[in-house]
Amino acid sequence: ERHKVEESVELIKYAGSKGINIID
């Protein structure tokens, strides 16, 4: 929540592209 919505959305998508599959 400390970042712009679009920035945080892209951050999660980037994590997913690297194989990360669990989020809290």
PDBML (XML) file of the C-alpha atoms, coordinates in Angstrom:
<?xml version="1.0" encoding="UTF-8" ?>
<PDBx:datablock datablockName="MODEL"
   xmlns:PDBx="http://pdbml.pdb.org/schema/pdbx-v50.xsd"
   xmlns:xsi="http://www.w3.org/2001/XMLSchema-instance"
   xsi:schemaLocation="http://pdbml.pdb.org/schema/pdbx-v50.xsd pdbx-v50.xsd">
   <PDBx:atom_siteCategory>
      <PDBx:atom_site id="1">
         <PDBx:B_iso_or_equiv>0.00</PDBx:B_iso_or_equiv>
         <PDBx:Cartn_x>0.000</PDBx:Cartn_x>
         <PDBx:Cartn_y>0.000</PDBx:Cartn_y>
         <PDBx:Cartn_z>0.000</PDBx:Cartn_z>
         <PDBx:auth_asym_id>A</PDBx:auth_asym_id>
         <PDBx:auth_atom_id>CA</PDBx:auth_atom_id>
         <PDBx:auth_comp_id>GLU</PDBx:auth_comp_id>
         <PDBx:auth_seq_id>1</PDBx:auth_seq_id>
         <PDBx:group_PDB>ATOM</PDBx:group_PDB>
         <PDBx:label_alt_id xsi:nil="true" />
         <PDBx:label_asym_id>A</PDBx:label_asym_id>
         <PDBx:label_atom_id>CA</PDBx:label_atom_id>
         <PDBx:label_comp_id>GLU</PDBx:label_comp_id>
         <PDBx:label_entity_id>1</PDBx:label_entity_id>
         <PDBx:label_seq_id>1</PDBx:label_seq_id>
         <PDBx:occupancy>1.00</PDBx:occupancy>
         <PDBx:pdbx_PDB_model_num>1</PDBx:pdbx_PDB_model_num>
         <PDBx:type_symbol>C</PDBx:type_symbol>
      </PDBx:atom_site>
      <PDBx:atom_site id="2">
         <PDBx:B_iso_or_equiv>0.00</PDBx:B_iso_or_equiv>
         <PDBx:Cartn_x>3.002</PDBx:Cartn_x>
         <PDBx:Cartn_y>2.324</PDBx:Cartn_y>
         <PDBx:Cartn_z>0.258</PDBx:Cartn_z>
         <PDBx:auth_asym_id>A</PDBx:auth_asym_id>
         <PDBx:auth_atom_id>CA</PDBx:auth_atom_id>
         <PDBx:auth_comp_id>ARG</PDBx:auth_comp_id>
         <PDBx:auth_seq_id>2</PDBx:auth_seq_id>
         <PDBx:group_PDB>ATOM</PDBx:group_PDB>
         <PDBx:label_alt_id xsi:nil="true" />
         <PDBx:label_asym_id>A</PDBx:label_asym_id>
         <PDBx:label_atom_id>CA</PDBx:label_atom_id>
         <PDBx:label_comp_id>ARG</PDBx:label_comp_id>
         <PDBx:label_entity_id>1</PDBx:label_entity_id>
         <PDBx:label_seq_id>2</PDBx:label_seq_id>
         <PDBx:occupancy>1.00</PDBx:occupancy>
         <PDBx:pdbx_PDB_model_num>1</PDBx:pdbx_PDB_model_num>
         <PDBx:type_symbol>C</PDBx:type_symbol>
      </PDBx:atom_site>
      <PDBx:atom_site id="3">
         <PDBx:B_iso_or_equiv>0.00</PDBx:B_iso_or_equiv>
         <PDBx:Cartn_x>3.361</PDBx:Cartn_x>
         <PDBx:Cartn_y>2.423</PDBx:Cartn_y>
         <PDBx:Cartn_z>-3.526</PDBx:Cartn_z>
         <PDBx:auth_asym_id>A</PDBx:auth_asym_id>
         <PDBx:auth_atom_id>CA</PDBx:auth_atom_id>
         <PDBx:auth_comp_id>HIS</PDBx:auth_comp_id>
         <PDBx:auth_seq_id>3</PDBx:auth_seq_id>
         <PDBx:group_PDB>ATOM</PDBx:group_PDB>
         <PDBx:label_alt_id xsi:nil="true" />
         <PDBx:label_asym_id>A</PDBx:label_asym_id>
         <PDBx:label_atom_id>CA</PDBx:label_atom_id>
         <PDBx:label_comp_id>HIS</PDBx:label_comp_id>
         <PDBx:label_entity_id>1</PDBx:label_entity_id>
         <PDBx:label_seq_id>3</PDBx:label_seq_id>
         <PDBx:occupancy>1.00</PDBx:occupancy>
         <PDBx:pdbx_PDB_model_num>1</PDBx:pdbx_PDB_model_num>
         <PDBx:type_symbol>C</PDBx:type_symbol>
      </PDBx:atom_site>
      <PDBx:atom_site id="4">
         <PDBx:B_iso_or_equiv>0.00</PDBx:B_iso_or_equiv>
         <PDBx:Cartn_x>1.200</PDBx:Cartn_x>
         <PDBx:Cartn_y>3.400</PDBx:Cartn_y>
         <PDBx:Cartn_z>-6.453</PDBx:Cartn_z>
         <PDBx:auth_asym_id>A</PDBx:auth_asym_id>
         <PDBx:auth_atom_id>CA</PDBx:auth_atom_id>
         <PDBx:auth_comp_id>LYS</PDBx:auth_comp_id>
         <PDBx:auth_seq_id>4</PDBx:auth_seq_id>
         <PDBx:group_PDB>ATOM</PDBx:group_PDB>
         <PDBx:label_alt_id xsi:nil="true" />
         <PDBx:label_asym_id>A</PDBx:label_asym_id>
         <PDBx:label_atom_id>CA</PDBx:label_atom_id>
         <PDBx:label_comp_id>LYS</PDBx:label_comp_id>
         <PDBx:label_entity_id>1</PDBx:label_entity_id>
         <PDBx:label_seq_id>4</PDBx:label_seq_id>
         <PDBx:occupancy>1.00</PDBx:occupancy>
         <PDBx:pdbx_PDB_model_num>1</PDBx:pdbx_PDB_model_num>
         <PDBx:type_symbol>C</PDBx:type_symbol>
      </PDBx:atom_site>
      <PDBx:atom_site id="5">
         <PDBx:B_iso_or_equiv>0.00</PDBx:B_iso_or_equiv>
         <PDBx:Cartn_x>-1.306</PDBx:Cartn_x>
         <PDBx:Cartn_y>0.700</PDBx:Cartn_y>
         <PDBx:Cartn_z>-7.362</PDBx:Cartn_z>
         <PDBx:auth_asym_id>A</PDBx:auth_asym_id>
         <PDBx:auth_atom_id>CA</PDBx:auth_atom_id>
         <PDBx:auth_comp_id>VAL</PDBx:auth_comp_id>
         <PDBx:auth_seq_id>5</PDBx:auth_seq_id>
         <PDBx:group_PDB>ATOM</PDBx:group_PDB>
         <PDBx:label_alt_id xsi:nil="true" />
         <PDBx:label_asym_id>A</PDBx:label_asym_id>
         <PDBx:label_atom_id>CA</PDBx:label_atom_id>
         <PDBx:label_comp_id>VAL</PDBx:label_comp_id>
         <PDBx:label_entity_id>1</PDBx:label_entity_id>
         <PDBx:label_seq_id>5</PDBx:label_seq_id>
         <PDBx:occupancy>1.00</PDBx:occupancy>
         <PDBx:pdbx_PDB_model_num>1</PDBx:pdbx_PDB_model_num>
         <PDBx:type_symbol>C</PDBx:type_symbol>
      </PDBx:atom_site>
      <PDBx:atom_site id="6">
         <PDBx:B_iso_or_equiv>0.00</PDBx:B_iso_or_equiv>
         <PDBx:Cartn_x>0.156</PDBx:Cartn_x>
         <PDBx:Cartn_y>0.060</PDBx:Cartn_y>
         <PDBx:Cartn_z>-10.803</PDBx:Cartn_z>
         <PDBx:auth_asym_id>A</PDBx:auth_asym_id>
         <PDBx:auth_atom_id>CA</PDBx:auth_atom_id>
         <PDBx:auth_comp_id>GLU</PDBx:auth_comp_id>
         <PDBx:auth_seq_id>6</PDBx:auth_seq_id>
         <PDBx:group_PDB>ATOM</PDBx:group_PDB>
         <PDBx:label_alt_id xsi:nil="true" />
         <PDBx:label_asym_id>A</PDBx:label_asym_id>
         <PDBx:label_atom_id>CA</PDBx:label_atom_id>
         <PDBx:label_comp_id>GLU</PDBx:label_comp_id>
         <PDBx:label_entity_id>1</PDBx:label_entity_id>
         <PDBx:label_seq_id>6</PDBx:label_seq_id>
         <PDBx:occupancy>1.00</PDBx:occupancy>
         <PDBx:pdbx_PDB_model_num>1</PDBx:pdbx_PDB_model_num>
         <PDBx:type_symbol>C</PDBx:type_symbol>
      </PDBx:atom_site>
      <PDBx:atom_site id="7">
         <PDBx:B_iso_or_equiv>0.00</PDBx:B_iso_or_equiv>
         <PDBx:Cartn_x>3.680</PDBx:Cartn_x>
         <PDBx:Cartn_y>-0.248</PDBx:Cartn_y>
         <PDBx:Cartn_z>-9.361</PDBx:Cartn_z>
         <PDBx:auth_asym_id>A</PDBx:auth_asym_id>
         <PDBx:auth_atom_id>CA</PDBx:auth_atom_id>
         <PDBx:auth_comp_id>GLU</PDBx:auth_comp_id>
         <PDBx:auth_seq_id>7</PDBx:auth_seq_id>
         <PDBx:group_PDB>ATOM</PDBx:group_PDB>
         <PDBx:label_alt_id xsi:nil="true" />
         <PDBx:label_asym_id>A</PDBx:label_asym_id>
         <PDBx:label_atom_id>CA</PDBx:label_atom_id>
         <PDBx:label_comp_id>GLU</PDBx:label_comp_id>
         <PDBx:label_entity_id>1</PDBx:label_entity_id>
         <PDBx:label_seq_id>7</PDBx:label_seq_id>
         <PDBx:occupancy>1.00</PDBx:occupancy>
         <PDBx:pdbx_PDB_model_num>1</PDBx:pdbx_PDB_model_num>
         <PDBx:type_symbol>C</PDBx:type_symbol>
      </PDBx:atom_site>
      <PDBx:atom_site id="8">
         <PDBx:B_iso_or_equiv>0.00</PDBx:B_iso_or_equiv>
         <PDBx:Cartn_x>2.644</PDBx:Cartn_x>
         <PDBx:Cartn_y>-2.821</PDBx:Cartn_y>
         <PDBx:Cartn_z>-6.771</PDBx:Cartn_z>
         <PDBx:auth_asym_id>A</PDBx:auth_asym_id>
         <PDBx:auth_atom_id>CA</PDBx:auth_atom_id>
         <PDBx:auth_comp_id>SER</PDBx:auth_comp_id>
         <PDBx:auth_seq_id>8</PDBx:auth_seq_id>
         <PDBx:group_PDB>ATOM</PDBx:group_PDB>
         <PDBx:label_alt_id xsi:nil="true" />
         <PDBx:label_asym_id>A</PDBx:label_asym_id>
         <PDBx:label_atom_id>CA</PDBx:label_atom_id>
         <PDBx:label_comp_id>SER</PDBx:label_comp_id>
         <PDBx:label_entity_id>1</PDBx:label_entity_id>
         <PDBx:label_seq_id>8</PDBx:label_seq_id>
         <PDBx:occupancy>1.00</PDBx:occupancy>
         <PDBx:pdbx_PDB_model_num>1</PDBx:pdbx_PDB_model_num>
         <PDBx:type_symbol>C</PDBx:type_symbol>
      </PDBx:atom_site>
      <PDBx:atom_site id="9">
         <PDBx:B_iso_or_equiv>0.00</PDBx:B_iso_or_equiv>
         <PDBx:Cartn_x>0.592</PDBx:Cartn_x>
         <PDBx:Cartn_y>-4.776</PDBx:Cartn_y>
         <PDBx:Cartn_z>-9.308</PDBx:Cartn_z>
         <PDBx:auth_asym_id>A</PDBx:auth_asym_id>
         <PDBx:auth_atom_id>CA</PDBx:auth_atom_id>
         <PDBx:auth_comp_id>VAL</PDBx:auth_comp_id>
         <PDBx:auth_seq_id>9</PDBx:auth_seq_id>
         <PDBx:group_PDB>ATOM</PDBx:group_PDB>
         <PDBx:label_alt_id xsi:nil="true" />
         <PDBx:label_asym_id>A</PDBx:label_asym_id>
         <PDBx:label_atom_id>CA</PDBx:label_atom_id>
         <PDBx:label_comp_id>VAL</PDBx:label_comp_id>
         <PDBx:label_entity_id>1</PDBx:label_entity_id>
         <PDBx:label_seq_id>9</PDBx:label_seq_id>
         <PDBx:occupancy>1.00</PDBx:occupancy>
         <PDBx:pdbx_PDB_model_num>1</PDBx:pdbx_PDB_model_num>
         <PDBx:type_symbol>C</PDBx:type_symbol>
      </PDBx:atom_site>
      <PDBx:atom_site id="10">
         <PDBx:B_iso_or_equiv>0.00</PDBx:B_iso_or_equiv>
         <PDBx:Cartn_x>3.630</PDBx:Cartn_x>
         <PDBx:Cartn_y>-5.004</PDBx:Cartn_y>
         <PDBx:Cartn_z>-11.583</PDBx:Cartn_z>
         <PDBx:auth_asym_id>A</PDBx:auth_asym_id>
         <PDBx:auth_atom_id>CA</PDBx:auth_atom_id>
         <PDBx:auth_comp_id>GLU</PDBx:auth_comp_id>
         <PDBx:auth_seq_id>10</PDBx:auth_seq_id>
         <PDBx:group_PDB>ATOM</PDBx:group_PDB>
         <PDBx:label_alt_id xsi:nil="true" />
         <PDBx:label_asym_id>A</PDBx:label_asym_id>
         <PDBx:label_atom_id>CA</PDBx:label_atom_id>
         <PDBx:label_comp_id>GLU</PDBx:label_comp_id>
         <PDBx:label_entity_id>1</PDBx:label_entity_id>
         <PDBx:label_seq_id>10</PDBx:label_seq_id>
         <PDBx:occupancy>1.00</PDBx:occupancy>
         <PDBx:pdbx_PDB_model_num>1</PDBx:pdbx_PDB_model_num>
         <PDBx:type_symbol>C</PDBx:type_symbol>
      </PDBx:atom_site>
      <PDBx:atom_site id="11">
         <PDBx:B_iso_or_equiv>0.00</PDBx:B_iso_or_equiv>
         <PDBx:Cartn_x>5.815</PDBx:Cartn_x>
         <PDBx:Cartn_y>-6.019</PDBx:Cartn_y>
         <PDBx:Cartn_z>-8.631</PDBx:Cartn_z>
         <PDBx:auth_asym_id>A</PDBx:auth_asym_id>
         <PDBx:auth_atom_id>CA</PDBx:auth_atom_id>
         <PDBx:auth_comp_id>LEU</PDBx:auth_comp_id>
         <PDBx:auth_seq_id>11</PDBx:auth_seq_id>
         <PDBx:group_PDB>ATOM</PDBx:group_PDB>
         <PDBx:label_alt_id xsi:nil="true" />
         <PDBx:label_asym_id>A</PDBx:label_asym_id>
         <PDBx:label_atom_id>CA</PDBx:label_atom_id>
         <PDBx:label_comp_id>LEU</PDBx:label_comp_id>
         <PDBx:label_entity_id>1</PDBx:label_entity_id>
         <PDBx:label_seq_id>11</PDBx:label_seq_id>
         <PDBx:occupancy>1.00</PDBx:occupancy>
         <PDBx:pdbx_PDB_model_num>1</PDBx:pdbx_PDB_model_num>
         <PDBx:type_symbol>C</PDBx:type_symbol>
      </PDBx:atom_site>
      <PDBx:atom_site id="12">
         <PDBx:B_iso_or_equiv>0.00</PDBx:B_iso_or_equiv>
         <PDBx:Cartn_x>3.595</PDBx:Cartn_x>
         <PDBx:Cartn_y>-9.040</PDBx:Cartn_y>
         <PDBx:Cartn_z>-7.919</PDBx:Cartn_z>
         <PDBx:auth_asym_id>A</PDBx:auth_asym_id>
         <PDBx:auth_atom_id>CA</PDBx:auth_atom_id>
         <PDBx:auth_comp_id>ILE</PDBx:auth_comp_id>
         <PDBx:auth_seq_id>12</PDBx:auth_seq_id>
         <PDBx:group_PDB>ATOM</PDBx:group_PDB>
         <PDBx:label_alt_id xsi:nil="true" />
         <PDBx:label_asym_id>A</PDBx:label_asym_id>
         <PDBx:label_atom_id>CA</PDBx:label_atom_id>
         <PDBx:label_comp_id>ILE</PDBx:label_comp_id>
         <PDBx:label_entity_id>1</PDBx:label_entity_id>
         <PDBx:label_seq_id>12</PDBx:label_seq_id>
         <PDBx:occupancy>1.00</PDBx:occupancy>
         <PDBx:pdbx_PDB_model_num>1</PDBx:pdbx_PDB_model_num>
         <PDBx:type_symbol>C</PDBx:type_symbol>
      </PDBx:atom_site>
      <PDBx:atom_site id="13">
         <PDBx:B_iso_or_equiv>0.00</PDBx:B_iso_or_equiv>
         <PDBx:Cartn_x>3.456</PDBx:Cartn_x>
         <PDBx:Cartn_y>-9.947</PDBx:Cartn_y>
         <PDBx:Cartn_z>-11.599</PDBx:Cartn_z>
         <PDBx:auth_asym_id>A</PDBx:auth_asym_id>
         <PDBx:auth_atom_id>CA</PDBx:auth_atom_id>
         <PDBx:auth_comp_id>LYS</PDBx:auth_comp_id>
         <PDBx:auth_seq_id>13</PDBx:auth_seq_id>
         <PDBx:group_PDB>ATOM</PDBx:group_PDB>
         <PDBx:label_alt_id xsi:nil="true" />
         <PDBx:label_asym_id>A</PDBx:label_asym_id>
         <PDBx:label_atom_id>CA</PDBx:label_atom_id>
         <PDBx:label_comp_id>LYS</PDBx:label_comp_id>
         <PDBx:label_entity_id>1</PDBx:label_entity_id>
         <PDBx:label_seq_id>13</PDBx:label_seq_id>
         <PDBx:occupancy>1.00</PDBx:occupancy>
         <PDBx:pdbx_PDB_model_num>1</PDBx:pdbx_PDB_model_num>
         <PDBx:type_symbol>C</PDBx:type_symbol>
      </PDBx:atom_site>
      <PDBx:atom_site id="14">
         <PDBx:B_iso_or_equiv>0.00</PDBx:B_iso_or_equiv>
         <PDBx:Cartn_x>7.239</PDBx:Cartn_x>
         <PDBx:Cartn_y>-9.767</PDBx:Cartn_y>
         <PDBx:Cartn_z>-11.760</PDBx:Cartn_z>
         <PDBx:auth_asym_id>A</PDBx:auth_asym_id>
         <PDBx:auth_atom_id>CA</PDBx:auth_atom_id>
         <PDBx:auth_comp_id>TYR</PDBx:auth_comp_id>
         <PDBx:auth_seq_id>14</PDBx:auth_seq_id>
         <PDBx:group_PDB>ATOM</PDBx:group_PDB>
         <PDBx:label_alt_id xsi:nil="true" />
         <PDBx:label_asym_id>A</PDBx:label_asym_id>
         <PDBx:label_atom_id>CA</PDBx:label_atom_id>
         <PDBx:label_comp_id>TYR</PDBx:label_comp_id>
         <PDBx:label_entity_id>1</PDBx:label_entity_id>
         <PDBx:label_seq_id>14</PDBx:label_seq_id>
         <PDBx:occupancy>1.00</PDBx:occupancy>
         <PDBx:pdbx_PDB_model_num>1</PDBx:pdbx_PDB_model_num>
         <PDBx:type_symbol>C</PDBx:type_symbol>
      </PDBx:atom_site>
      <PDBx:atom_site id="15">
         <PDBx:B_iso_or_equiv>0.00</PDBx:B_iso_or_equiv>
         <PDBx:Cartn_x>7.495</PDBx:Cartn_x>
         <PDBx:Cartn_y>-12.112</PDBx:Cartn_y>
         <PDBx:Cartn_z>-8.772</PDBx:Cartn_z>
         <PDBx:auth_asym_id>A</PDBx:auth_asym_id>
         <PDBx:auth_atom_id>CA</PDBx:auth_atom_id>
         <PDBx:auth_comp_id>ALA</PDBx:auth_comp_id>
         <PDBx:auth_seq_id>15</PDBx:auth_seq_id>
         <PDBx:group_PDB>ATOM</PDBx:group_PDB>
         <PDBx:label_alt_id xsi:nil="true" />
         <PDBx:label_asym_id>A</PDBx:label_asym_id>
         <PDBx:label_atom_id>CA</PDBx:label_atom_id>
         <PDBx:label_comp_id>ALA</PDBx:label_comp_id>
         <PDBx:label_entity_id>1</PDBx:label_entity_id>
         <PDBx:label_seq_id>15</PDBx:label_seq_id>
         <PDBx:occupancy>1.00</PDBx:occupancy>
         <PDBx:pdbx_PDB_model_num>1</PDBx:pdbx_PDB_model_num>
         <PDBx:type_symbol>C</PDBx:type_symbol>
      </PDBx:atom_site>
      <PDBx:atom_site id="16">
         <PDBx:B_iso_or_equiv>0.00</PDBx:B_iso_or_equiv>
         <PDBx:Cartn_x>5.150</PDBx:Cartn_x>
         <PDBx:Cartn_y>-14.551</PDBx:Cartn_y>
         <PDBx:Cartn_z>-10.490</PDBx:Cartn_z>
         <PDBx:auth_asym_id>A</PDBx:auth_asym_id>
         <PDBx:auth_atom_id>CA</PDBx:auth_atom_id>
         <PDBx:auth_comp_id>GLY</PDBx:auth_comp_id>
         <PDBx:auth_seq_id>16</PDBx:auth_seq_id>
         <PDBx:group_PDB>ATOM</PDBx:group_PDB>
         <PDBx:label_alt_id xsi:nil="true" />
         <PDBx:label_asym_id>A</PDBx:label_asym_id>
         <PDBx:label_atom_id>CA</PDBx:label_atom_id>
         <PDBx:label_comp_id>GLY</PDBx:label_comp_id>
         <PDBx:label_entity_id>1</PDBx:label_entity_id>
         <PDBx:label_seq_id>16</PDBx:label_seq_id>
         <PDBx:occupancy>1.00</PDBx:occupancy>
         <PDBx:pdbx_PDB_model_num>1</PDBx:pdbx_PDB_model_num>
         <PDBx:type_symbol>C</PDBx:type_symbol>
      </PDBx:atom_site>
      <PDBx:atom_site id="17">
         <PDBx:B_iso_or_equiv>0.00</PDBx:B_iso_or_equiv>
         <PDBx:Cartn_x>7.235</PDBx:Cartn_x>
         <PDBx:Cartn_y>-14.469</PDBx:Cartn_y>
         <PDBx:Cartn_z>-13.658</PDBx:Cartn_z>
         <PDBx:auth_asym_id>A</PDBx:auth_asym_id>
         <PDBx:auth_atom_id>CA</PDBx:auth_atom_id>
         <PDBx:auth_comp_id>SER</PDBx:auth_comp_id>
         <PDBx:auth_seq_id>17</PDBx:auth_seq_id>
         <PDBx:group_PDB>ATOM</PDBx:group_PDB>
         <PDBx:label_alt_id xsi:nil="true" />
         <PDBx:label_asym_id>A</PDBx:label_asym_id>
         <PDBx:label_atom_id>CA</PDBx:label_atom_id>
         <PDBx:label_comp_id>SER</PDBx:label_comp_id>
         <PDBx:label_entity_id>1</PDBx:label_entity_id>
         <PDBx:label_seq_id>17</PDBx:label_seq_id>
         <PDBx:occupancy>1.00</PDBx:occupancy>
         <PDBx:pdbx_PDB_model_num>1</PDBx:pdbx_PDB_model_num>
         <PDBx:type_symbol>C</PDBx:type_symbol>
      </PDBx:atom_site>
      <PDBx:atom_site id="18">
         <PDBx:B_iso_or_equiv>0.00</PDBx:B_iso_or_equiv>
         <PDBx:Cartn_x>10.232</PDBx:Cartn_x>
         <PDBx:Cartn_y>-15.569</PDBx:Cartn_y>
         <PDBx:Cartn_z>-11.564</PDBx:Cartn_z>
         <PDBx:auth_asym_id>A</PDBx:auth_asym_id>
         <PDBx:auth_atom_id>CA</PDBx:auth_atom_id>
         <PDBx:auth_comp_id>LYS</PDBx:auth_comp_id>
         <PDBx:auth_seq_id>18</PDBx:auth_seq_id>
         <PDBx:group_PDB>ATOM</PDBx:group_PDB>
         <PDBx:label_alt_id xsi:nil="true" />
         <PDBx:label_asym_id>A</PDBx:label_asym_id>
         <PDBx:label_atom_id>CA</PDBx:label_atom_id>
         <PDBx:label_comp_id>LYS</PDBx:label_comp_id>
         <PDBx:label_entity_id>1</PDBx:label_entity_id>
         <PDBx:label_seq_id>18</PDBx:label_seq_id>
         <PDBx:occupancy>1.00</PDBx:occupancy>
         <PDBx:pdbx_PDB_model_num>1</PDBx:pdbx_PDB_model_num>
         <PDBx:type_symbol>C</PDBx:type_symbol>
      </PDBx:atom_site>
      <PDBx:atom_site id="19">
         <PDBx:B_iso_or_equiv>0.00</PDBx:B_iso_or_equiv>
         <PDBx:Cartn_x>8.430</PDBx:Cartn_x>
         <PDBx:Cartn_y>-18.636</PDBx:Cartn_y>
         <PDBx:Cartn_z>-10.222</PDBx:Cartn_z>
         <PDBx:auth_asym_id>A</PDBx:auth_asym_id>
         <PDBx:auth_atom_id>CA</PDBx:auth_atom_id>
         <PDBx:auth_comp_id>GLY</PDBx:auth_comp_id>
         <PDBx:auth_seq_id>19</PDBx:auth_seq_id>
         <PDBx:group_PDB>ATOM</PDBx:group_PDB>
         <PDBx:label_alt_id xsi:nil="true" />
         <PDBx:label_asym_id>A</PDBx:label_asym_id>
         <PDBx:label_atom_id>CA</PDBx:label_atom_id>
         <PDBx:label_comp_id>GLY</PDBx:label_comp_id>
         <PDBx:label_entity_id>1</PDBx:label_entity_id>
         <PDBx:label_seq_id>19</PDBx:label_seq_id>
         <PDBx:occupancy>1.00</PDBx:occupancy>
         <PDBx:pdbx_PDB_model_num>1</PDBx:pdbx_PDB_model_num>
         <PDBx:type_symbol>C</PDBx:type_symbol>
      </PDBx:atom_site>
      <PDBx:atom_site id="20">
         <PDBx:B_iso_or_equiv>0.00</PDBx:B_iso_or_equiv>
         <PDBx:Cartn_x>7.146</PDBx:Cartn_x>
         <PDBx:Cartn_y>-17.237</PDBx:Cartn_y>
         <PDBx:Cartn_z>-6.921</PDBx:Cartn_z>
         <PDBx:auth_asym_id>A</PDBx:auth_asym_id>
         <PDBx:auth_atom_id>CA</PDBx:auth_atom_id>
         <PDBx:auth_comp_id>ILE</PDBx:auth_comp_id>
         <PDBx:auth_seq_id>20</PDBx:auth_seq_id>
         <PDBx:group_PDB>ATOM</PDBx:group_PDB>
         <PDBx:label_alt_id xsi:nil="true" />
         <PDBx:label_asym_id>A</PDBx:label_asym_id>
         <PDBx:label_atom_id>CA</PDBx:label_atom_id>
         <PDBx:label_comp_id>ILE</PDBx:label_comp_id>
         <PDBx:label_entity_id>1</PDBx:label_entity_id>
         <PDBx:label_seq_id>20</PDBx:label_seq_id>
         <PDBx:occupancy>1.00</PDBx:occupancy>
         <PDBx:pdbx_PDB_model_num>1</PDBx:pdbx_PDB_model_num>
         <PDBx:type_symbol>C</PDBx:type_symbol>
      </PDBx:atom_site>
      <PDBx:atom_site id="21">
         <PDBx:B_iso_or_equiv>0.00</PDBx:B_iso_or_equiv>
         <PDBx:Cartn_x>3.746</PDBx:Cartn_x>
         <PDBx:Cartn_y>-18.833</PDBx:Cartn_y>
         <PDBx:Cartn_z>-6.285</PDBx:Cartn_z>
         <PDBx:auth_asym_id>A</PDBx:auth_asym_id>
         <PDBx:auth_atom_id>CA</PDBx:auth_atom_id>
         <PDBx:auth_comp_id>ASN</PDBx:auth_comp_id>
         <PDBx:auth_seq_id>21</PDBx:auth_seq_id>
         <PDBx:group_PDB>ATOM</PDBx:group_PDB>
         <PDBx:label_alt_id xsi:nil="true" />
         <PDBx:label_asym_id>A</PDBx:label_asym_id>
         <PDBx:label_atom_id>CA</PDBx:label_atom_id>
         <PDBx:label_comp_id>ASN</PDBx:label_comp_id>
         <PDBx:label_entity_id>1</PDBx:label_entity_id>
         <PDBx:label_seq_id>21</PDBx:label_seq_id>
         <PDBx:occupancy>1.00</PDBx:occupancy>
         <PDBx:pdbx_PDB_model_num>1</PDBx:pdbx_PDB_model_num>
         <PDBx:type_symbol>C</PDBx:type_symbol>
      </PDBx:atom_site>
      <PDBx:atom_site id="22">
         <PDBx:B_iso_or_equiv>0.00</PDBx:B_iso_or_equiv>
         <PDBx:Cartn_x>2.803</PDBx:Cartn_x>
         <PDBx:Cartn_y>-18.078</PDBx:Cartn_y>
         <PDBx:Cartn_z>-2.665</PDBx:Cartn_z>
         <PDBx:auth_asym_id>A</PDBx:auth_asym_id>
         <PDBx:auth_atom_id>CA</PDBx:auth_atom_id>
         <PDBx:auth_comp_id>ILE</PDBx:auth_comp_id>
         <PDBx:auth_seq_id>22</PDBx:auth_seq_id>
         <PDBx:group_PDB>ATOM</PDBx:group_PDB>
         <PDBx:label_alt_id xsi:nil="true" />
         <PDBx:label_asym_id>A</PDBx:label_asym_id>
         <PDBx:label_atom_id>CA</PDBx:label_atom_id>
         <PDBx:label_comp_id>ILE</PDBx:label_comp_id>
         <PDBx:label_entity_id>1</PDBx:label_entity_id>
         <PDBx:label_seq_id>22</PDBx:label_seq_id>
         <PDBx:occupancy>1.00</PDBx:occupancy>
         <PDBx:pdbx_PDB_model_num>1</PDBx:pdbx_PDB_model_num>
         <PDBx:type_symbol>C</PDBx:type_symbol>
      </PDBx:atom_site>
      <PDBx:atom_site id="23">
         <PDBx:B_iso_or_equiv>0.00</PDBx:B_iso_or_equiv>
         <PDBx:Cartn_x>1.684</PDBx:Cartn_x>
         <PDBx:Cartn_y>-14.697</PDBx:Cartn_y>
         <PDBx:Cartn_z>-1.334</PDBx:Cartn_z>
         <PDBx:auth_asym_id>A</PDBx:auth_asym_id>
         <PDBx:auth_atom_id>CA</PDBx:auth_atom_id>
         <PDBx:auth_comp_id>ILE</PDBx:auth_comp_id>
         <PDBx:auth_seq_id>23</PDBx:auth_seq_id>
         <PDBx:group_PDB>ATOM</PDBx:group_PDB>
         <PDBx:label_alt_id xsi:nil="true" />
         <PDBx:label_asym_id>A</PDBx:label_asym_id>
         <PDBx:label_atom_id>CA</PDBx:label_atom_id>
         <PDBx:label_comp_id>ILE</PDBx:label_comp_id>
         <PDBx:label_entity_id>1</PDBx:label_entity_id>
         <PDBx:label_seq_id>23</PDBx:label_seq_id>
         <PDBx:occupancy>1.00</PDBx:occupancy>
         <PDBx:pdbx_PDB_model_num>1</PDBx:pdbx_PDB_model_num>
         <PDBx:type_symbol>C</PDBx:type_symbol>
      </PDBx:atom_site>
      <PDBx:atom_site id="24">
         <PDBx:B_iso_or_equiv>0.00</PDBx:B_iso_or_equiv>
         <PDBx:Cartn_x>0.579</PDBx:Cartn_x>
         <PDBx:Cartn_y>-13.648</PDBx:Cartn_y>
         <PDBx:Cartn_z>2.138</PDBx:Cartn_z>
         <PDBx:auth_asym_id>A</PDBx:auth_asym_id>
         <PDBx:auth_atom_id>CA</PDBx:auth_atom_id>
         <PDBx:auth_comp_id>ASP</PDBx:auth_comp_id>
         <PDBx:auth_seq_id>24</PDBx:auth_seq_id>
         <PDBx:group_PDB>ATOM</PDBx:group_PDB>
         <PDBx:label_alt_id xsi:nil="true" />
         <PDBx:label_asym_id>A</PDBx:label_asym_id>
         <PDBx:label_atom_id>CA</PDBx:label_atom_id>
         <PDBx:label_comp_id>ASP</PDBx:label_comp_id>
         <PDBx:label_entity_id>1</PDBx:label_entity_id>
         <PDBx:label_seq_id>24</PDBx:label_seq_id>
         <PDBx:occupancy>1.00</PDBx:occupancy>
         <PDBx:pdbx_PDB_model_num>1</PDBx:pdbx_PDB_model_num>
         <PDBx:type_symbol>C</PDBx:type_symbol>
      </PDBx:atom_site>
   </PDBx:atom_siteCategory>
</PDBx:datablock>
